N, C-alpha and C. Protein backbone atom coordinates (compact mmCIF):
# COMPACT_ATOMS: atom_id res chain seq x y z
N MET A 1 42.76 -110.93 -24.26
CA MET A 1 42.53 -111.39 -22.91
C MET A 1 41.24 -112.20 -22.88
N PRO A 2 41.27 -113.41 -22.31
CA PRO A 2 40.07 -114.25 -22.28
C PRO A 2 39.02 -113.67 -21.34
N MET A 3 37.80 -113.75 -21.75
CA MET A 3 36.68 -113.30 -20.94
C MET A 3 36.09 -114.49 -20.19
N THR A 4 35.50 -114.22 -19.06
CA THR A 4 34.84 -115.25 -18.28
C THR A 4 33.51 -115.59 -18.93
N ALA A 5 33.22 -116.88 -18.98
CA ALA A 5 31.94 -117.33 -19.54
C ALA A 5 30.80 -116.78 -18.69
N PRO A 6 29.66 -116.45 -19.31
CA PRO A 6 28.54 -115.89 -18.57
C PRO A 6 28.04 -116.77 -17.42
N ASP A 7 28.22 -118.09 -17.53
CA ASP A 7 27.72 -118.97 -16.49
C ASP A 7 28.78 -119.29 -15.42
N THR A 8 29.93 -118.62 -15.47
CA THR A 8 30.99 -118.85 -14.49
C THR A 8 30.61 -118.21 -13.16
N ASP A 9 30.87 -118.91 -12.09
CA ASP A 9 30.59 -118.39 -10.75
C ASP A 9 31.53 -117.21 -10.47
N VAL A 10 30.96 -116.09 -10.12
CA VAL A 10 31.75 -114.88 -9.86
C VAL A 10 31.86 -114.57 -8.37
N THR A 11 31.48 -115.51 -7.52
CA THR A 11 31.46 -115.28 -6.08
C THR A 11 32.81 -114.83 -5.55
N ALA A 12 33.88 -115.50 -5.94
CA ALA A 12 35.21 -115.15 -5.43
C ALA A 12 35.60 -113.74 -5.86
N ALA A 13 35.31 -113.38 -7.10
CA ALA A 13 35.63 -112.03 -7.58
C ALA A 13 34.83 -110.98 -6.82
N VAL A 14 33.56 -111.26 -6.57
CA VAL A 14 32.73 -110.34 -5.81
C VAL A 14 33.32 -110.15 -4.42
N CYS A 15 33.74 -111.22 -3.78
CA CYS A 15 34.34 -111.13 -2.44
C CYS A 15 35.64 -110.33 -2.47
N LEU A 16 36.47 -110.54 -3.50
CA LEU A 16 37.71 -109.79 -3.63
C LEU A 16 37.42 -108.30 -3.74
N PHE A 17 36.54 -107.93 -4.64
CA PHE A 17 36.25 -106.51 -4.84
C PHE A 17 35.54 -105.90 -3.63
N ARG A 18 34.71 -106.67 -2.95
CA ARG A 18 34.07 -106.18 -1.74
C ARG A 18 35.12 -105.92 -0.67
N GLY A 19 36.10 -106.81 -0.56
CA GLY A 19 37.18 -106.62 0.41
C GLY A 19 38.01 -105.38 0.12
N LEU A 20 38.24 -105.11 -1.14
CA LEU A 20 39.03 -103.94 -1.51
C LEU A 20 38.20 -102.66 -1.52
N ALA A 21 36.88 -102.77 -1.40
CA ALA A 21 36.01 -101.61 -1.46
C ALA A 21 36.07 -100.76 -0.19
N ASP A 22 36.52 -101.32 0.91
CA ASP A 22 36.62 -100.55 2.15
C ASP A 22 37.75 -99.53 2.00
N PRO A 23 37.48 -98.25 2.26
CA PRO A 23 38.51 -97.22 2.08
C PRO A 23 39.78 -97.48 2.89
N ALA A 24 39.65 -97.94 4.11
CA ALA A 24 40.84 -98.20 4.94
C ALA A 24 41.64 -99.37 4.39
N ARG A 25 40.96 -100.45 3.99
CA ARG A 25 41.69 -101.60 3.45
C ARG A 25 42.38 -101.24 2.13
N LEU A 26 41.71 -100.49 1.29
CA LEU A 26 42.32 -100.09 0.03
C LEU A 26 43.53 -99.19 0.29
N ALA A 27 43.43 -98.29 1.24
CA ALA A 27 44.56 -97.42 1.59
C ALA A 27 45.73 -98.25 2.11
N ILE A 28 45.45 -99.25 2.91
CA ILE A 28 46.51 -100.13 3.43
C ILE A 28 47.17 -100.89 2.29
N VAL A 29 46.37 -101.47 1.41
CA VAL A 29 46.91 -102.21 0.27
C VAL A 29 47.77 -101.30 -0.60
N ARG A 30 47.28 -100.11 -0.88
CA ARG A 30 48.04 -99.18 -1.72
C ARG A 30 49.35 -98.80 -1.05
N HIS A 31 49.34 -98.66 0.27
CA HIS A 31 50.58 -98.31 0.98
C HIS A 31 51.54 -99.50 1.01
N LEU A 32 51.00 -100.69 1.16
CA LEU A 32 51.86 -101.87 1.15
C LEU A 32 52.46 -102.11 -0.23
N ALA A 33 51.88 -101.52 -1.27
CA ALA A 33 52.46 -101.62 -2.60
C ALA A 33 53.84 -100.95 -2.64
N LEU A 34 54.10 -100.07 -1.67
CA LEU A 34 55.40 -99.40 -1.58
C LEU A 34 56.45 -100.28 -0.91
N GLY A 35 56.00 -101.33 -0.22
CA GLY A 35 56.93 -102.22 0.48
C GLY A 35 56.40 -102.61 1.85
N GLU A 36 57.23 -103.35 2.58
CA GLU A 36 56.84 -103.85 3.90
C GLU A 36 56.65 -102.70 4.90
N HIS A 37 55.67 -102.90 5.79
CA HIS A 37 55.42 -101.92 6.85
C HIS A 37 54.95 -102.62 8.11
N ARG A 38 55.26 -102.01 9.24
CA ARG A 38 54.73 -102.45 10.53
C ARG A 38 53.40 -101.73 10.75
N VAL A 39 52.61 -102.24 11.68
CA VAL A 39 51.33 -101.60 12.00
C VAL A 39 51.56 -100.15 12.39
N VAL A 40 52.57 -99.90 13.21
CA VAL A 40 52.83 -98.53 13.68
C VAL A 40 53.17 -97.62 12.51
N ASP A 41 53.86 -98.13 11.50
CA ASP A 41 54.17 -97.34 10.30
C ASP A 41 52.89 -96.99 9.55
N LEU A 42 52.03 -97.99 9.39
CA LEU A 42 50.78 -97.77 8.67
C LEU A 42 49.88 -96.78 9.39
N THR A 43 49.80 -96.88 10.71
CA THR A 43 48.97 -95.93 11.46
C THR A 43 49.48 -94.51 11.29
N ALA A 44 50.79 -94.34 11.31
CA ALA A 44 51.38 -93.01 11.14
C ALA A 44 51.16 -92.48 9.73
N HIS A 45 51.38 -93.30 8.74
CA HIS A 45 51.25 -92.86 7.34
C HIS A 45 49.81 -92.59 6.94
N LEU A 46 48.89 -93.40 7.45
CA LEU A 46 47.50 -93.32 6.99
C LEU A 46 46.59 -92.55 7.94
N GLY A 47 47.07 -92.26 9.14
CA GLY A 47 46.25 -91.53 10.10
C GLY A 47 45.09 -92.35 10.64
N LEU A 48 45.26 -93.65 10.69
CA LEU A 48 44.22 -94.55 11.19
C LEU A 48 44.61 -95.06 12.57
N ALA A 49 43.62 -95.45 13.34
CA ALA A 49 43.88 -96.01 14.67
C ALA A 49 44.55 -97.38 14.55
N GLN A 50 45.36 -97.72 15.54
CA GLN A 50 46.06 -99.00 15.53
C GLN A 50 45.08 -100.15 15.44
N SER A 51 43.97 -100.08 16.16
CA SER A 51 42.99 -101.17 16.13
C SER A 51 42.35 -101.29 14.75
N THR A 52 42.14 -100.18 14.07
CA THR A 52 41.59 -100.19 12.73
C THR A 52 42.54 -100.88 11.76
N VAL A 53 43.81 -100.47 11.81
CA VAL A 53 44.82 -101.05 10.92
C VAL A 53 44.97 -102.53 11.20
N SER A 54 45.07 -102.90 12.47
CA SER A 54 45.23 -104.32 12.82
C SER A 54 44.06 -105.16 12.35
N GLY A 55 42.86 -104.66 12.53
CA GLY A 55 41.67 -105.38 12.10
C GLY A 55 41.63 -105.58 10.59
N HIS A 56 41.96 -104.54 9.86
CA HIS A 56 41.95 -104.64 8.41
C HIS A 56 43.09 -105.53 7.90
N LEU A 57 44.25 -105.47 8.54
CA LEU A 57 45.34 -106.36 8.15
C LEU A 57 44.95 -107.82 8.39
N SER A 58 44.26 -108.07 9.48
CA SER A 58 43.79 -109.43 9.77
C SER A 58 42.85 -109.91 8.67
N CYS A 59 41.94 -109.05 8.26
CA CYS A 59 41.00 -109.39 7.18
C CYS A 59 41.77 -109.67 5.89
N LEU A 60 42.72 -108.81 5.56
CA LEU A 60 43.49 -108.99 4.33
C LEU A 60 44.35 -110.24 4.38
N ARG A 61 44.84 -110.59 5.56
CA ARG A 61 45.60 -111.85 5.71
C ARG A 61 44.67 -113.04 5.53
N ASP A 62 43.49 -112.98 6.13
CA ASP A 62 42.53 -114.08 5.99
C ASP A 62 42.15 -114.31 4.52
N CYS A 63 42.15 -113.25 3.74
CA CYS A 63 41.82 -113.34 2.32
C CYS A 63 43.02 -113.76 1.47
N GLY A 64 44.19 -113.87 2.07
CA GLY A 64 45.39 -114.27 1.34
C GLY A 64 46.02 -113.15 0.53
N LEU A 65 45.65 -111.90 0.81
CA LEU A 65 46.19 -110.77 0.07
C LEU A 65 47.42 -110.16 0.72
N VAL A 66 47.56 -110.36 2.02
CA VAL A 66 48.66 -109.79 2.80
C VAL A 66 49.33 -110.90 3.59
N THR A 67 50.61 -110.77 3.76
CA THR A 67 51.37 -111.72 4.57
C THR A 67 52.16 -110.94 5.61
N ALA A 68 52.57 -111.64 6.65
CA ALA A 68 53.36 -111.01 7.72
C ALA A 68 54.55 -111.88 8.04
N ARG A 69 55.63 -111.22 8.41
CA ARG A 69 56.79 -111.95 8.90
C ARG A 69 57.28 -111.26 10.16
N ALA A 70 57.71 -112.07 11.11
CA ALA A 70 58.17 -111.53 12.39
C ALA A 70 59.56 -110.94 12.23
N GLU A 71 59.72 -109.80 12.88
CA GLU A 71 61.04 -109.17 12.99
C GLU A 71 61.14 -108.64 14.42
N GLY A 72 61.85 -109.40 15.24
CA GLY A 72 61.87 -109.06 16.66
C GLY A 72 60.48 -109.24 17.24
N ARG A 73 60.02 -108.21 17.93
CA ARG A 73 58.68 -108.27 18.52
C ARG A 73 57.60 -107.73 17.60
N ALA A 74 58.00 -107.23 16.46
CA ALA A 74 57.05 -106.64 15.51
C ALA A 74 56.81 -107.60 14.35
N SER A 75 55.77 -107.30 13.60
CA SER A 75 55.48 -108.02 12.36
C SER A 75 55.57 -107.03 11.21
N LEU A 76 56.19 -107.47 10.14
CA LEU A 76 56.25 -106.67 8.92
C LEU A 76 55.24 -107.23 7.93
N TYR A 77 54.37 -106.37 7.45
CA TYR A 77 53.31 -106.78 6.54
C TYR A 77 53.68 -106.40 5.11
N SER A 78 53.30 -107.25 4.18
CA SER A 78 53.54 -106.98 2.76
C SER A 78 52.44 -107.64 1.95
N LEU A 79 52.36 -107.26 0.69
CA LEU A 79 51.39 -107.89 -0.20
C LEU A 79 51.82 -109.32 -0.48
N ALA A 80 50.89 -110.23 -0.42
CA ALA A 80 51.18 -111.64 -0.62
C ALA A 80 51.24 -112.00 -2.10
N ARG A 81 50.54 -111.27 -2.92
CA ARG A 81 50.43 -111.60 -4.33
C ARG A 81 50.79 -110.39 -5.19
N PRO A 82 51.83 -110.49 -6.01
CA PRO A 82 52.19 -109.36 -6.88
C PRO A 82 51.09 -109.02 -7.89
N GLU A 83 50.22 -109.97 -8.17
CA GLU A 83 49.11 -109.70 -9.10
C GLU A 83 48.20 -108.59 -8.59
N LEU A 84 48.19 -108.39 -7.28
CA LEU A 84 47.36 -107.33 -6.72
C LEU A 84 47.82 -105.97 -7.23
N LEU A 85 49.13 -105.81 -7.43
CA LEU A 85 49.65 -104.56 -8.00
C LEU A 85 49.14 -104.37 -9.42
N ASP A 86 49.06 -105.46 -10.18
CA ASP A 86 48.53 -105.39 -11.55
C ASP A 86 47.06 -104.97 -11.53
N LEU A 87 46.30 -105.53 -10.58
CA LEU A 87 44.89 -105.19 -10.47
C LEU A 87 44.71 -103.71 -10.12
N LEU A 88 45.51 -103.22 -9.19
CA LEU A 88 45.42 -101.80 -8.80
C LEU A 88 45.80 -100.90 -9.96
N ALA A 89 46.84 -101.28 -10.69
CA ALA A 89 47.26 -100.48 -11.85
C ALA A 89 46.17 -100.46 -12.92
N ALA A 90 45.55 -101.62 -13.16
CA ALA A 90 44.46 -101.68 -14.14
C ALA A 90 43.28 -100.82 -13.69
N ALA A 91 42.98 -100.84 -12.39
CA ALA A 91 41.89 -100.02 -11.87
C ALA A 91 42.19 -98.54 -12.05
N GLU A 92 43.44 -98.14 -11.81
CA GLU A 92 43.82 -96.74 -12.01
C GLU A 92 43.66 -96.33 -13.47
N ARG A 93 44.07 -97.20 -14.39
CA ARG A 93 43.91 -96.90 -15.82
C ARG A 93 42.43 -96.78 -16.20
N LEU A 94 41.63 -97.67 -15.66
CA LEU A 94 40.19 -97.64 -15.94
C LEU A 94 39.57 -96.35 -15.40
N LEU A 95 39.96 -95.96 -14.20
CA LEU A 95 39.42 -94.73 -13.61
C LEU A 95 39.87 -93.50 -14.39
N GLU A 96 41.09 -93.51 -14.89
CA GLU A 96 41.54 -92.41 -15.74
C GLU A 96 40.71 -92.34 -17.02
N ALA A 97 40.39 -93.50 -17.57
CA ALA A 97 39.63 -93.55 -18.83
C ALA A 97 38.17 -93.12 -18.64
N THR A 98 37.60 -93.42 -17.48
CA THR A 98 36.18 -93.10 -17.26
C THR A 98 35.98 -91.73 -16.64
N GLY A 99 37.05 -91.11 -16.18
CA GLY A 99 36.93 -89.79 -15.57
C GLY A 99 36.03 -89.82 -14.35
N ASP A 100 35.11 -88.85 -14.27
CA ASP A 100 34.23 -88.73 -13.10
C ASP A 100 33.01 -89.64 -13.17
N THR A 101 32.87 -90.42 -14.23
CA THR A 101 31.68 -91.24 -14.42
C THR A 101 31.45 -92.19 -13.25
N VAL A 102 32.49 -92.84 -12.78
CA VAL A 102 32.35 -93.79 -11.67
C VAL A 102 31.96 -93.05 -10.40
N THR A 103 32.61 -91.94 -10.13
CA THR A 103 32.32 -91.16 -8.92
C THR A 103 30.90 -90.63 -8.93
N LEU A 104 30.41 -90.26 -10.09
CA LEU A 104 29.07 -89.68 -10.22
C LEU A 104 27.97 -90.71 -10.47
N CYS A 105 28.33 -91.99 -10.53
CA CYS A 105 27.36 -93.04 -10.79
C CYS A 105 26.20 -92.96 -9.80
N PRO A 106 24.95 -92.95 -10.28
CA PRO A 106 23.82 -92.84 -9.36
C PRO A 106 23.64 -94.06 -8.45
N SER A 107 24.17 -95.21 -8.83
CA SER A 107 24.01 -96.41 -8.01
C SER A 107 25.12 -96.58 -6.98
N TYR A 108 26.37 -96.35 -7.39
CA TYR A 108 27.49 -96.62 -6.50
C TYR A 108 28.45 -95.45 -6.35
N GLY A 109 28.06 -94.31 -6.83
CA GLY A 109 28.93 -93.14 -6.76
C GLY A 109 29.07 -92.57 -5.36
N GLN A 110 29.82 -91.52 -5.28
CA GLN A 110 30.20 -90.91 -4.01
C GLN A 110 29.02 -90.48 -3.16
N ASP A 111 27.96 -89.97 -3.76
CA ASP A 111 26.85 -89.43 -2.99
C ASP A 111 25.75 -90.43 -2.66
N THR A 112 25.97 -91.71 -2.98
CA THR A 112 24.91 -92.70 -2.76
C THR A 112 24.98 -93.34 -1.38
N GLY A 113 26.12 -93.22 -0.71
CA GLY A 113 26.29 -93.88 0.58
C GLY A 113 26.54 -95.36 0.45
N ALA A 114 26.73 -95.85 -0.77
CA ALA A 114 26.97 -97.27 -1.02
C ALA A 114 28.37 -97.66 -0.66
């Protein structure tokens, strides 16, 4: 796998990972990996408020990660890029390999508030 040159601009990657770092957005993306959902479905499955889900879906759409199609008066949301599933799968494999190290990280771990 080719590595990025050290002088390559990483701004877009930082923005992508920052967008996925929000727990609600990541939960929405992971749920959309199962297939299309309406906002009402996502609120029921994830236990989030409708306004929270709608706001995060809007953010994910603006980033080009989620798409919507009208069905009657509702919109069905889905992942716009199948590569996002590959990224999530790679992240899961990495987390399995590192165990609790990421969670316990003093800079970005669970207890840092980061």
